[in-house]
Amino acid sequence: MTILGSFGRQETLTHTPKGEIAKSIGSSFFRGENCNFNPYLKDHHSPDFLERFLLRGWMPDEPSIDRDTRITAFGSCFAENITNHLRGIGYTTSKDRAPDIYLSSMGEGLVNVHSLLGQLEWALEGVEPPDGLWHGYKAEQYGATETVRTRTRSALLDTQFFIITLGLSEVWYDEQTGGVFWRAVPVEHYDPGRHRFRVCSMAETKAALLRIHELVRRHVPDAKLLFTLSPVPLAATFRPVGCISANSASKAILRAALDEMLREAGPCLNRDLFYWPSYEIITDLFFSRYEQDGRHPHRPIIQFIMRLFEAVHCRSGTSLREMTELYQQTRKANAELALR
């Protein structure tokens, strides 16, 4: 370290971590054994940028998914991209093995933690949901039939790698039963005397995530479980505030609850419990993130995220060095797009 000067009353030093651009830091405080800096702009051109700044702390010792691995991916609409990519490179997913279960036909429509947890509790432990909460994209009602439950249970028990994408924290619920809707309340069924809106707390979100993990460990103990957070923003908020700030809060609740759960996971982290930073890739690594609708990420960014996932978790032969080159190409093209 060498002294640079001072910033106000704070003495600053220059510190150059191995392989990084020199960083300006305050000299006053002890920083502990883990001190990982936020990247400067030039750091993005480093050959190990992805491992150092994005993936550090979230990588398995080695990839575990191959073409024989039975994968079940569901959750917010971003899960569809993961499913389509894996199917496109010859991997098997629950959409192929069990296309008629709700986790296949409506998996991307299960956008809150209660709807995700509800499917596992129903299928694996026979917990019956309250009536009238499960609806499709056109507000058609789905029934909790024993036939579908049995098929869902079989698909889950046959799974070797779960990928669950979290979507949002805003929910509609039935005050009489306490049950949470998959999505919103269908117009023709809305009852102002019993249907209510709320934002899930971080504590209840964390509790639901822990319960999901517990169910997987209990019923499918050899399976691996990966969580990711969808970068797709809210289409609208039901709160009396602007959608931009409501979306920030909605994502923050999910990300904070998930991070707290992962911090407490112990030795299973990166062994059979994983996090995938798709949210951070879009929100922090690119200049122009979304299409004109302000919600759907540009296709080249999605393709990069999927290829990077493949490099980290799949035995496909795709290397992180290749992904670093792809990242720099995609980022450059994205910067040019942002200037148009």
Protein backbone atom coordinates (compact mmCIF):
# COMPACT_ATOMS: atom_id res chain seq x y z
CA MET A 1 0.00 0.00 0.00
CA THR A 2 1.08 3.60 -0.62
CA ILE A 3 -0.49 6.75 0.73
CA LEU A 4 -2.48 8.64 -1.91
CA GLY A 5 -3.77 11.54 0.10
CA SER A 6 -6.92 12.37 1.98
CA PHE A 7 -10.61 12.63 1.25
CA GLY A 8 -12.08 15.12 3.66
CA ARG A 9 -10.80 13.85 7.00
CA GLN A 10 -10.32 10.30 5.72
CA GLU A 11 -6.77 9.30 4.84
CA THR A 12 -6.77 7.22 1.67
CA LEU A 13 -4.37 4.59 0.41
CA THR A 14 -3.88 2.87 -2.89
CA HIS A 15 -4.15 -0.89 -2.72
CA THR A 16 -3.67 -3.23 -5.68
CA PRO A 17 -5.16 -6.71 -5.09
CA LYS A 18 -3.46 -9.33 -7.23
CA GLY A 19 -4.95 -9.32 -10.71
CA GLU A 20 -7.01 -6.15 -10.15
CA ILE A 21 -6.83 -2.46 -10.93
CA ALA A 22 -5.45 -0.37 -8.05
CA LYS A 23 -8.17 0.62 -5.56
CA SER A 24 -8.43 3.78 -3.46
CA ILE A 25 -9.43 2.89 0.09
CA GLY A 26 -9.65 4.50 3.51
CA SER A 27 -6.86 3.64 5.92
CA SER A 28 -8.75 3.86 9.20
CA PHE A 29 -10.42 0.49 9.61
CA PHE A 30 -9.44 -3.16 9.76
CA ARG A 31 -11.00 -5.03 6.84
CA GLY A 32 -10.88 -8.66 7.94
CA GLU A 33 -9.64 -11.70 6.09
CA ASN A 34 -12.32 -11.35 3.39
CA CYS A 35 -12.13 -8.01 1.62
CA ASN A 36 -13.44 -8.26 -1.93
CA PHE A 37 -13.59 -4.96 -3.77
CA ASN A 38 -16.26 -3.69 -6.11
CA PRO A 39 -14.85 -3.66 -9.66
CA TYR A 40 -13.55 -0.52 -11.30
CA LEU A 41 -14.44 -0.14 -14.97
CA LYS A 42 -11.08 -1.48 -16.14
CA ASP A 43 -11.52 -4.60 -14.00
CA HIS A 44 -14.22 -5.78 -16.42
CA HIS A 45 -11.45 -6.48 -18.94
CA SER A 46 -9.59 -8.80 -16.57
CA PRO A 47 -9.36 -12.43 -17.80
CA ASP A 48 -10.68 -13.65 -14.44
CA PHE A 49 -13.31 -10.96 -13.91
CA LEU A 50 -16.21 -13.42 -13.67
CA GLU A 51 -14.55 -15.67 -11.09
CA ARG A 52 -13.18 -12.77 -9.05
CA PHE A 53 -16.07 -10.30 -8.95
CA LEU A 54 -19.26 -12.21 -9.85
CA LEU A 55 -18.94 -15.90 -9.05
CA ARG A 56 -16.67 -15.83 -6.01
CA GLY A 57 -18.34 -17.69 -3.16
CA TRP A 58 -21.04 -19.22 -5.38
CA MET A 59 -19.20 -21.86 -7.43
CA PRO A 60 -19.26 -25.65 -6.96
CA ASP A 61 -15.97 -27.51 -6.80
CA GLU A 62 -16.87 -29.00 -10.17
CA PRO A 63 -19.90 -29.12 -12.49
CA SER A 64 -22.45 -31.79 -11.60
CA ILE A 65 -25.08 -31.63 -14.38
CA ASP A 66 -24.75 -33.86 -17.41
CA ARG A 67 -27.18 -35.10 -20.05
CA ASP A 68 -28.39 -37.87 -17.76
CA THR A 69 -29.17 -35.52 -14.84
CA ARG A 70 -32.89 -35.18 -14.20
CA ILE A 71 -33.57 -31.46 -13.78
CA THR A 72 -36.70 -29.73 -12.50
CA ALA A 73 -36.78 -25.96 -13.08
CA PHE A 74 -39.69 -23.76 -12.05
CA GLY A 75 -40.53 -20.40 -10.54
CA SER A 76 -40.81 -16.92 -12.00
CA CYS A 77 -40.87 -16.47 -15.78
CA PHE A 78 -37.08 -16.28 -15.95
CA ALA A 79 -36.99 -20.04 -15.22
CA GLU A 80 -38.31 -20.59 -18.73
CA ASN A 81 -35.02 -19.31 -20.16
CA ILE A 82 -33.04 -21.82 -18.10
CA THR A 83 -35.35 -24.66 -19.11
CA ASN A 84 -35.23 -23.76 -22.80
CA HIS A 85 -31.45 -23.46 -22.82
CA LEU A 86 -30.89 -26.78 -21.08
CA ARG A 87 -33.37 -28.55 -23.33
CA GLY A 88 -31.73 -26.94 -26.33
CA ILE A 89 -28.33 -28.44 -25.52
CA GLY A 90 -29.75 -31.90 -24.94
CA TYR A 91 -30.44 -31.97 -21.19
CA THR A 92 -33.62 -33.43 -19.71
CA THR A 93 -36.07 -31.35 -17.67
CA SER A 94 -39.38 -32.00 -15.95
CA LYS A 95 -41.15 -30.40 -18.93
CA ASP A 96 -40.03 -33.39 -20.94
CA ARG A 97 -40.58 -36.02 -18.26
CA ALA A 98 -43.88 -34.73 -16.87
CA PRO A 99 -45.36 -32.07 -19.19
CA ASP A 100 -48.85 -32.27 -17.69
CA ILE A 101 -48.04 -31.33 -14.08
CA TYR A 102 -48.49 -27.73 -12.92
CA LEU A 103 -44.77 -27.26 -12.34
CA SER A 104 -44.38 -27.85 -16.07
CA SER A 105 -47.44 -26.13 -17.52
CA MET A 106 -47.58 -23.22 -15.03
CA GLY A 107 -44.11 -23.33 -13.47
CA GLU A 108 -43.15 -19.87 -14.76
CA GLY A 109 -46.42 -18.49 -13.33
CA LEU A 110 -45.56 -19.45 -9.75
CA VAL A 111 -44.07 -16.10 -8.87
CA ASN A 112 -44.09 -15.90 -5.06
CA VAL A 113 -42.52 -18.11 -2.39
CA HIS A 114 -45.88 -19.33 -1.07
CA SER A 115 -46.97 -20.67 -4.46
CA LEU A 116 -43.60 -22.42 -4.86
CA LEU A 117 -43.69 -23.91 -1.38
CA GLY A 118 -47.34 -24.88 -1.78
CA GLN A 119 -46.59 -27.15 -4.72
CA LEU A 120 -43.92 -29.03 -2.76
CA GLU A 121 -46.02 -29.36 0.41
CA TRP A 122 -49.00 -30.57 -1.59
CA ALA A 123 -47.08 -33.03 -3.76
CA LEU A 124 -44.64 -34.40 -1.19
CA GLU A 125 -46.64 -34.27 2.04
CA GLY A 126 -50.26 -34.19 0.93
CA VAL A 127 -51.01 -30.71 2.37
CA GLU A 128 -54.31 -29.72 0.75
CA PRO A 129 -54.48 -26.09 -0.42
CA PRO A 130 -57.54 -23.91 0.21
CA ASP A 131 -59.93 -23.82 -2.73
CA GLY A 132 -59.84 -21.17 -5.44
CA LEU A 133 -56.18 -20.05 -5.27
CA TRP A 134 -54.66 -21.78 -8.30
CA HIS A 135 -55.25 -20.08 -11.66
CA GLY A 136 -53.61 -20.18 -15.07
CA TYR A 137 -52.51 -17.35 -17.35
CA LYS A 138 -56.08 -16.81 -18.55
CA ALA A 139 -57.48 -16.95 -15.00
CA GLU A 140 -58.73 -20.53 -15.54
CA GLN A 141 -58.91 -22.46 -12.29
CA TYR A 142 -56.63 -25.42 -11.59
CA GLY A 143 -57.76 -28.20 -9.31
CA ALA A 144 -55.67 -30.00 -6.71
CA THR A 145 -56.56 -33.44 -8.02
CA GLU A 146 -54.96 -36.60 -6.70
CA THR A 147 -53.92 -37.60 -10.20
CA VAL A 148 -51.88 -34.43 -10.73
CA ARG A 149 -50.52 -34.59 -7.18
CA THR A 150 -49.28 -38.15 -7.68
CA ARG A 151 -47.61 -37.24 -10.98
CA THR A 152 -46.04 -34.16 -9.42
CA ARG A 153 -44.74 -36.20 -6.51
CA SER A 154 -43.19 -38.74 -8.88
CA ALA A 155 -41.50 -35.98 -10.90
CA LEU A 156 -40.08 -34.37 -7.77
CA LEU A 157 -38.84 -37.64 -6.28
CA ASP A 158 -37.16 -38.41 -9.59
CA THR A 159 -35.33 -35.07 -9.67
CA GLN A 160 -31.57 -34.83 -9.20
CA PHE A 161 -31.14 -31.07 -9.64
CA PHE A 162 -33.76 -28.45 -8.71
CA ILE A 163 -33.59 -24.91 -10.12
CA ILE A 164 -36.02 -22.53 -8.40
CA THR A 165 -36.40 -18.94 -9.57
CA LEU A 166 -37.86 -16.40 -7.15
CA GLY A 167 -39.96 -13.62 -8.67
CA LEU A 168 -41.72 -11.13 -6.41
CA SER A 169 -42.81 -10.35 -2.86
CA GLU A 170 -46.24 -8.83 -3.56
CA VAL A 171 -49.12 -11.28 -3.02
CA TRP A 172 -52.89 -11.47 -2.98
CA TYR A 173 -54.42 -13.74 -0.36
CA ASP A 174 -57.73 -14.96 0.99
CA GLU A 175 -58.24 -13.47 4.44
CA GLN A 176 -60.66 -16.23 5.45
CA THR A 177 -58.27 -19.11 4.77
CA GLY A 178 -54.90 -17.35 4.80
CA GLY A 179 -54.11 -18.99 1.46
CA VAL A 180 -52.00 -17.11 -1.09
CA PHE A 181 -52.93 -16.94 -4.77
CA TRP A 182 -50.51 -18.19 -7.39
CA ARG A 183 -50.80 -14.85 -9.17
CA ALA A 184 -53.42 -12.13 -8.68
CA VAL A 185 -57.17 -12.58 -8.06
CA PRO A 186 -59.24 -13.25 -11.20
CA VAL A 187 -61.60 -10.34 -11.80
CA GLU A 188 -64.72 -12.51 -11.81
CA HIS A 189 -63.80 -14.07 -8.46
CA TYR A 190 -62.63 -10.96 -6.61
CA ASP A 191 -64.45 -10.53 -3.30
CA PRO A 192 -63.59 -7.28 -1.46
CA GLY A 193 -64.86 -8.87 1.75
CA ARG A 194 -62.14 -11.53 1.83
CA HIS A 195 -59.41 -10.88 -0.74
CA ARG A 196 -56.48 -8.78 0.42
CA PHE A 197 -53.11 -7.60 -0.84
CA ARG A 198 -49.84 -7.44 1.08
CA VAL A 199 -46.07 -7.48 0.70
CA CYS A 200 -44.36 -10.54 2.16
CA SER A 201 -41.91 -9.79 4.94
CA MET A 202 -38.31 -10.89 4.83
CA ALA A 203 -38.93 -13.20 7.81
CA GLU A 204 -41.82 -15.09 6.17
CA THR A 205 -39.87 -15.25 2.90
CA LYS A 206 -36.87 -16.76 4.63
CA ALA A 207 -39.11 -19.22 6.49
CA ALA A 208 -40.64 -20.36 3.17
CA LEU A 209 -37.19 -20.80 1.61
CA LEU A 210 -35.99 -22.84 4.58
CA ARG A 211 -39.11 -24.99 4.35
CA ILE A 212 -38.48 -25.61 0.63
CA HIS A 213 -34.92 -26.65 1.42
CA GLU A 214 -36.12 -28.88 4.26
CA LEU A 215 -38.65 -30.65 2.03
CA VAL A 216 -36.08 -31.34 -0.67
CA ARG A 217 -33.58 -32.67 1.87
CA ARG A 218 -36.21 -34.87 3.53
CA HIS A 219 -37.82 -36.37 0.44
CA VAL A 220 -35.05 -36.18 -2.18
CA PRO A 221 -31.92 -36.22 0.00
CA ASP A 222 -29.45 -36.81 -2.84
CA ALA A 223 -30.77 -33.96 -4.99
CA LYS A 224 -29.07 -30.60 -5.41
CA LEU A 225 -31.03 -27.35 -5.06
CA LEU A 226 -30.21 -24.06 -6.73
CA PHE A 227 -31.99 -20.75 -6.14
CA THR A 228 -31.87 -17.76 -8.45
CA LEU A 229 -33.68 -14.41 -8.43
CA SER A 230 -35.47 -13.28 -11.56
CA PRO A 231 -34.22 -9.92 -12.89
CA VAL A 232 -37.60 -9.30 -14.56
CA PRO A 233 -39.24 -6.32 -12.78
CA LEU A 234 -42.85 -6.05 -11.68
CA ALA A 235 -45.25 -5.30 -14.52
CA ALA A 236 -47.23 -3.19 -12.04
CA THR A 237 -47.49 -2.77 -8.30
CA PHE A 238 -50.63 -2.88 -6.19
CA ARG A 239 -49.04 -0.58 -3.63
CA PRO A 240 -49.85 3.17 -3.58
CA VAL A 241 -46.28 4.00 -4.65
CA GLY A 242 -44.45 4.08 -7.97
CA CYS A 243 -43.63 0.73 -9.54
CA ILE A 244 -39.88 1.43 -9.70
CA SER A 245 -39.47 1.76 -5.94
CA ALA A 246 -41.99 -1.02 -5.25
CA ASN A 247 -40.02 -3.36 -7.49
CA SER A 248 -36.78 -2.43 -5.72
CA ALA A 249 -38.34 -3.37 -2.38
CA SER A 250 -39.89 -6.57 -3.77
CA LYS A 251 -36.57 -7.83 -5.11
CA ALA A 252 -34.63 -6.68 -2.03
CA ILE A 253 -36.86 -8.72 0.29
CA LEU A 254 -36.27 -11.87 -1.74
CA ARG A 255 -32.55 -11.29 -2.18
CA ALA A 256 -31.96 -10.46 1.49
CA ALA A 257 -33.98 -13.43 2.75
CA LEU A 258 -32.16 -15.73 0.37
CA ASP A 259 -28.76 -14.35 1.35
CA GLU A 260 -29.48 -14.79 5.05
CA MET A 261 -30.55 -18.37 4.44
CA LEU A 262 -27.40 -19.09 2.43
CA ARG A 263 -25.13 -17.48 5.03
CA GLU A 264 -26.53 -19.91 7.59
CA ALA A 265 -26.38 -22.96 5.31
CA GLY A 266 -23.04 -24.26 6.57
CA PRO A 267 -21.13 -26.96 4.66
CA CYS A 268 -23.99 -27.74 2.27
CA LEU A 269 -23.46 -24.38 0.51
CA ASN A 270 -21.92 -24.92 -2.94
CA ARG A 271 -22.10 -28.67 -2.34
CA ASP A 272 -25.83 -29.40 -2.63
CA LEU A 273 -27.29 -25.88 -2.14
CA PHE A 274 -26.43 -23.16 -4.63
CA TYR A 275 -27.13 -19.57 -5.65
CA TRP A 276 -27.00 -18.33 -9.23
CA PRO A 277 -26.50 -14.53 -9.68
CA SER A 278 -28.70 -13.92 -12.73
CA TYR A 279 -30.21 -10.88 -11.00
CA GLU A 280 -26.81 -9.29 -10.40
CA ILE A 281 -25.60 -10.01 -13.92
CA ILE A 282 -28.37 -7.92 -15.42
CA THR A 283 -28.59 -5.18 -12.80
CA ASP A 284 -24.83 -4.64 -12.32
CA LEU A 285 -22.90 -5.76 -15.39
CA PHE A 286 -24.71 -4.21 -18.34
CA PHE A 287 -25.59 -0.66 -19.38
CA SER A 288 -28.81 -1.26 -21.33
CA ARG A 289 -30.69 -4.02 -19.57
CA TYR A 290 -34.22 -4.26 -20.94
CA GLU A 291 -36.23 -4.12 -24.13
CA GLN A 292 -38.66 -1.26 -24.77
CA ASP A 293 -41.18 -2.74 -22.31
CA GLY A 294 -38.71 -2.09 -19.47
CA ARG A 295 -39.02 -5.66 -18.22
CA HIS A 296 -37.61 -8.27 -20.56
CA PRO A 297 -33.81 -8.38 -20.75
CA HIS A 298 -32.08 -8.03 -24.09
CA ARG A 299 -31.65 -11.43 -25.70
CA PRO A 300 -27.81 -11.37 -25.85
CA ILE A 301 -27.68 -10.85 -22.06
CA ILE A 302 -30.00 -13.80 -21.47
CA GLN A 303 -27.87 -15.93 -23.79
CA PHE A 304 -24.74 -14.95 -21.87
CA ILE A 305 -26.36 -15.85 -18.52
CA MET A 306 -27.42 -19.24 -19.83
CA ARG A 307 -24.00 -20.00 -21.33
CA LEU A 308 -22.29 -18.96 -18.10
CA PHE A 309 -24.59 -21.21 -16.08
CA GLU A 310 -23.67 -24.02 -18.43
CA ALA A 311 -19.96 -23.36 -17.92
CA VAL A 312 -20.26 -23.38 -14.12
CA HIS A 313 -22.78 -26.16 -13.49
CA CYS A 314 -22.85 -28.39 -16.59
CA ARG A 315 -20.35 -30.92 -17.87
CA SER A 316 -20.60 -29.57 -21.38
CA GLY A 317 -16.99 -28.61 -21.98
CA THR A 318 -17.76 -24.88 -21.98
CA SER A 319 -14.97 -23.04 -20.16
CA LEU A 320 -15.02 -19.93 -18.00
CA ARG A 321 -12.29 -18.43 -20.22
CA GLU A 322 -14.67 -18.71 -23.18
CA MET A 323 -17.36 -17.04 -21.08
CA THR A 324 -15.04 -14.17 -20.15
CA GLU A 325 -14.54 -13.49 -23.85
CA LEU A 326 -18.28 -13.76 -24.47
CA TYR A 327 -18.96 -11.40 -21.56
CA GLN A 328 -16.61 -8.74 -22.90
CA GLN A 329 -18.11 -9.03 -26.39
CA THR A 330 -21.66 -8.86 -25.05
CA ARG A 331 -20.85 -5.93 -22.76
CA LYS A 332 -19.22 -4.00 -25.60
CA ALA A 333 -22.19 -4.53 -27.91
CA ASN A 334 -24.54 -3.62 -25.06
CA ALA A 335 -22.65 -0.37 -24.41
CA GLU A 336 -23.03 0.56 -28.06
CA LEU A 337 -26.75 -0.22 -27.82
CA ALA A 338 -27.05 2.05 -24.78
CA LEU A 339 -25.56 4.97 -26.73
CA ARG A 340 -28.10 4.79 -29.57
